Amino acid sequence: MNYLKQSYSTITKMTNTSLVTNLVQKLIKQNLQPLNLETHKKLLKEAGDPLQNYETNTSGDIKVWKMEKKYLIEEFDSRSKNYWVRTMENQEQIKKFVKNRLETYENQWNGCGCRVHYSDIFED
């Protein structure tokens, strides 16, 4: 399992390209990036309203944007206070991912002791 713990500052050091474009290019190579609150706000301003929004009733919403030829999926980790953004190829992958996350959140209410590991790479 590959965990990405690198700084997001490289994405925010842009020249003439947008934050969204830089993020998509980074995600194509690495699939997963943490965003701090400041960078997250910039992304939202640039990206506009999400295409889809899934309520977790636990840790903020899972949001989906269509960017270029990929989908961006965003989640909030209340422990680290980071937003995690990953890419997915199609709606089928997104549905599997969201179903998996919502089942994990539901199981947390049942006392399973399970946790969401936001930095894990999702493999369907």
C-alpha atoms as a PDB file:
ATOM      1  CA  MET A   1       0.000   0.000   0.000  1.00  0.00           C
ATOM      2  CA  ASN A   2       1.433   3.356  -1.000  1.00  0.00           C
ATOM      3  CA  TYR A   3       0.970   6.246   1.440  1.00  0.00           C
ATOM      4  CA  LEU A   4       1.563   9.788   0.248  1.00  0.00           C
ATOM      5  CA  LYS A   5       2.669  12.116   3.016  1.00  0.00           C
ATOM      6  CA  GLN A   6       4.387  14.781   0.985  1.00  0.00           C
ATOM      7  CA  SER A   7       3.847  18.511   1.182  1.00  0.00           C
ATOM      8  CA  TYR A   8       1.218  20.112  -0.968  1.00  0.00           C
ATOM      9  CA  SER A   9       3.299  23.258  -1.401  1.00  0.00           C
ATOM     10  CA  THR A  10       4.657  22.050  -4.753  1.00  0.00           C
ATOM     11  CA  ILE A  11       1.173  22.257  -6.234  1.00  0.00           C
ATOM     12  CA  THR A  12       0.525  25.735  -4.903  1.00  0.00           C
ATOM     13  CA  LYS A  13       3.779  27.069  -6.427  1.00  0.00           C
ATOM     14  CA  MET A  14       2.284  27.697  -9.836  1.00  0.00           C
ATOM     15  CA  THR A  15       3.427  29.657 -12.824  1.00  0.00           C
ATOM     16  CA  ASN A  16       0.758  30.379 -15.429  1.00  0.00           C
ATOM     17  CA  THR A  17      -1.500  27.390 -14.839  1.00  0.00           C
ATOM     18  CA  SER A  18      -4.499  27.071 -12.579  1.00  0.00           C
ATOM     19  CA  LEU A  19      -4.640  25.236  -9.264  1.00  0.00           C
ATOM     20  CA  VAL A  20      -7.116  22.744 -10.722  1.00  0.00           C
ATOM     21  CA  THR A  21      -4.875  21.998 -13.713  1.00  0.00           C
ATOM     22  CA  ASN A  22      -1.852  21.539 -11.459  1.00  0.00           C
ATOM     23  CA  LEU A  23      -3.810  19.299  -9.128  1.00  0.00           C
ATOM     24  CA  VAL A  24      -5.090  17.112 -11.966  1.00  0.00           C
ATOM     25  CA  GLN A  25      -1.576  16.768 -13.387  1.00  0.00           C
ATOM     26  CA  LYS A  26      -0.217  15.771  -9.950  1.00  0.00           C
ATOM     27  CA  LEU A  27      -3.062  13.340  -9.351  1.00  0.00           C
ATOM     28  CA  ILE A  28      -2.569  11.634 -12.717  1.00  0.00           C
ATOM     29  CA  LYS A  29       0.908  10.684 -11.510  1.00  0.00           C
ATOM     30  CA  GLN A  30       0.145   9.920  -7.862  1.00  0.00           C
ATOM     31  CA  ASN A  31      -3.643   9.410  -7.528  1.00  0.00           C
ATOM     32  CA  LEU A  32      -3.915  10.942  -4.039  1.00  0.00           C
ATOM     33  CA  GLN A  33      -3.047  14.295  -2.484  1.00  0.00           C
ATOM     34  CA  PRO A  34      -3.702  15.915   0.901  1.00  0.00           C
ATOM     35  CA  LEU A  35      -4.923  19.519   0.831  1.00  0.00           C
ATOM     36  CA  ASN A  36      -4.731  21.967   3.699  1.00  0.00           C
ATOM     37  CA  LEU A  37      -7.689  24.279   4.340  1.00  0.00           C
ATOM     38  CA  GLU A  38      -6.207  27.257   2.465  1.00  0.00           C
ATOM     39  CA  THR A  39      -5.482  25.247  -0.692  1.00  0.00           C
ATOM     40  CA  HIS A  40      -8.887  23.580  -0.414  1.00  0.00           C
ATOM     41  CA  LYS A  41     -10.643  26.958  -0.426  1.00  0.00           C
ATOM     42  CA  LYS A  42      -8.703  27.985  -3.546  1.00  0.00           C
ATOM     43  CA  LEU A  43      -9.648  24.723  -5.254  1.00  0.00           C
ATOM     44  CA  LEU A  44     -13.348  25.219  -4.466  1.00  0.00           C
ATOM     45  CA  LYS A  45     -13.270  28.755  -5.796  1.00  0.00           C
ATOM     46  CA  GLU A  46     -11.697  27.577  -9.050  1.00  0.00           C
ATOM     47  CA  ALA A  47     -13.526  24.274  -9.512  1.00  0.00           C
ATOM     48  CA  GLY A  48     -17.028  25.516  -8.785  1.00  0.00           C
ATOM     49  CA  ASP A  49     -19.885  23.374  -7.551  1.00  0.00           C
ATOM     50  CA  PRO A  50     -19.330  19.628  -7.327  1.00  0.00           C
ATOM     51  CA  LEU A  51     -20.981  17.302  -9.827  1.00  0.00           C
ATOM     52  CA  GLN A  52     -22.037  14.970  -6.986  1.00  0.00           C
ATOM     53  CA  ASN A  53     -22.194  15.253  -3.220  1.00  0.00           C
ATOM     54  CA  TYR A  54     -22.572  12.283  -0.852  1.00  0.00           C
ATOM     55  CA  GLU A  55     -23.449  12.901   2.790  1.00  0.00           C
ATOM     56  CA  THR A  56     -21.471  10.789   5.249  1.00  0.00           C
ATOM     57  CA  ASN A  57     -23.170  12.156   8.389  1.00  0.00           C
ATOM     58  CA  THR A  58     -19.797  11.679  10.072  1.00  0.00           C
ATOM     59  CA  SER A  59     -16.851  13.386   8.434  1.00  0.00           C
ATOM     60  CA  GLY A  60     -18.176  15.931   5.991  1.00  0.00           C
ATOM     61  CA  ASP A  61     -19.393  15.115   2.527  1.00  0.00           C
ATOM     62  CA  ILE A  62     -17.682  13.169  -0.232  1.00  0.00           C
ATOM     63  CA  LYS A  63     -17.609  15.496  -3.235  1.00  0.00           C
ATOM     64  CA  VAL A  64     -17.035  14.682  -6.889  1.00  0.00           C
ATOM     65  CA  TRP A  65     -15.921  16.988  -9.703  1.00  0.00           C
ATOM     66  CA  LYS A  66     -15.370  16.184 -13.374  1.00  0.00           C
ATOM     67  CA  MET A  67     -12.025  17.678 -14.398  1.00  0.00           C
ATOM     68  CA  GLU A  68     -10.527  17.090 -17.791  1.00  0.00           C
ATOM     69  CA  LYS A  69     -10.788  13.310 -18.402  1.00  0.00           C
ATOM     70  CA  LYS A  70     -10.842  12.316 -14.724  1.00  0.00           C
ATOM     71  CA  TYR A  71     -13.102  12.653 -11.739  1.00  0.00           C
ATOM     72  CA  LEU A  72     -11.773  14.280  -8.573  1.00  0.00           C
ATOM     73  CA  ILE A  73     -13.083  12.845  -5.309  1.00  0.00           C
ATOM     74  CA  GLU A  74     -12.640  14.814  -2.105  1.00  0.00           C
ATOM     75  CA  GLU A  75     -13.006  13.746   1.520  1.00  0.00           C
ATOM     76  CA  PHE A  76     -12.308  15.498   4.817  1.00  0.00           C
ATOM     77  CA  ASP A  77     -10.214  13.855   7.537  1.00  0.00           C
ATOM     78  CA  SER A  78     -11.309  15.421  10.820  1.00  0.00           C
ATOM     79  CA  ARG A  79      -8.267  14.006  12.639  1.00  0.00           C
ATOM     80  CA  SER A  80      -5.577  15.551  10.417  1.00  0.00           C
ATOM     81  CA  LYS A  81      -7.789  18.457   9.285  1.00  0.00           C
ATOM     82  CA  ASN A  82      -6.754  17.712   5.691  1.00  0.00           C
ATOM     83  CA  TYR A  83      -8.909  17.295   2.653  1.00  0.00           C
ATOM     84  CA  TRP A  84      -7.887  14.248   0.611  1.00  0.00           C
ATOM     85  CA  VAL A  85      -8.344  14.430  -3.136  1.00  0.00           C
ATOM     86  CA  ARG A  86      -7.988  11.415  -5.418  1.00  0.00           C
ATOM     87  CA  THR A  87      -8.837  10.634  -9.014  1.00  0.00           C
ATOM     88  CA  MET A  88     -11.118   8.016 -10.470  1.00  0.00           C
ATOM     89  CA  GLU A  89     -11.702   7.016 -14.044  1.00  0.00           C
ATOM     90  CA  ASN A  90     -15.473   6.556 -14.159  1.00  0.00           C
ATOM     91  CA  GLN A  91     -18.789   6.616 -12.319  1.00  0.00           C
ATOM     92  CA  GLU A  92     -18.632   2.888 -11.576  1.00  0.00           C
ATOM     93  CA  GLN A  93     -15.407   3.336  -9.587  1.00  0.00           C
ATOM     94  CA  ILE A  94     -16.929   6.295  -7.765  1.00  0.00           C
ATOM     95  CA  LYS A  95     -20.018   4.286  -6.792  1.00  0.00           C
ATOM     96  CA  LYS A  96     -17.857   1.439  -5.419  1.00  0.00           C
ATOM     97  CA  PHE A  97     -15.668   3.885  -3.513  1.00  0.00           C
ATOM     98  CA  VAL A  98     -18.618   5.759  -1.993  1.00  0.00           C
ATOM     99  CA  LYS A  99     -20.395   2.495  -1.118  1.00  0.00           C
ATOM    100  CA  ASN A 100     -17.240   1.252   0.630  1.00  0.00           C
ATOM    101  CA  ARG A 101     -16.835   4.515   2.576  1.00  0.00           C
ATOM    102  CA  LEU A 102     -20.483   4.695   3.629  1.00  0.00           C
ATOM    103  CA  GLU A 103     -20.392   1.062   4.792  1.00  0.00           C
ATOM    104  CA  THR A 104     -17.302   1.824   6.889  1.00  0.00           C
ATOM    105  CA  TYR A 105     -18.989   4.865   8.455  1.00  0.00           C
ATOM    106  CA  GLU A 106     -22.118   2.801   9.143  1.00  0.00           C
ATOM    107  CA  ASN A 107     -20.021   0.078  10.783  1.00  0.00           C
ATOM    108  CA  GLN A 108     -18.385   2.680  13.009  1.00  0.00           C
ATOM    109  CA  TRP A 109     -21.810   3.412  14.477  1.00  0.00           C
ATOM    110  CA  ASN A 110     -22.236  -0.315  15.135  1.00  0.00           C
ATOM    111  CA  GLY A 111     -19.076  -0.341  17.268  1.00  0.00           C
ATOM    112  CA  CYS A 112     -16.786  -2.251  14.905  1.00  0.00           C
ATOM    113  CA  GLY A 113     -13.733  -0.224  15.909  1.00  0.00           C
ATOM    114  CA  CYS A 114     -12.918   0.309  12.229  1.00  0.00           C
ATOM    115  CA  ARG A 115     -11.462   3.532  10.879  1.00  0.00           C
ATOM    116  CA  VAL A 116     -11.263   5.224   7.520  1.00  0.00           C
ATOM    117  CA  HIS A 117      -7.677   5.435   6.323  1.00  0.00           C
ATOM    118  CA  TYR A 118      -7.872   8.412   3.993  1.00  0.00           C
ATOM    119  CA  SER A 119      -4.336   8.001   2.704  1.00  0.00           C
ATOM    120  CA  ASP A 120      -4.955   4.447   1.461  1.00  0.00           C
ATOM    121  CA  ILE A 121      -5.123   3.968  -2.261  1.00  0.00           C
ATOM    122  CA  PHE A 122      -8.598   2.670  -3.149  1.00  0.00           C
ATOM    123  CA  GLU A 123      -8.563  -0.523  -5.180  1.00  0.00           C
ATOM    124  CA  ASP A 124     -11.885  -1.835  -6.413  1.00  0.00           C
END
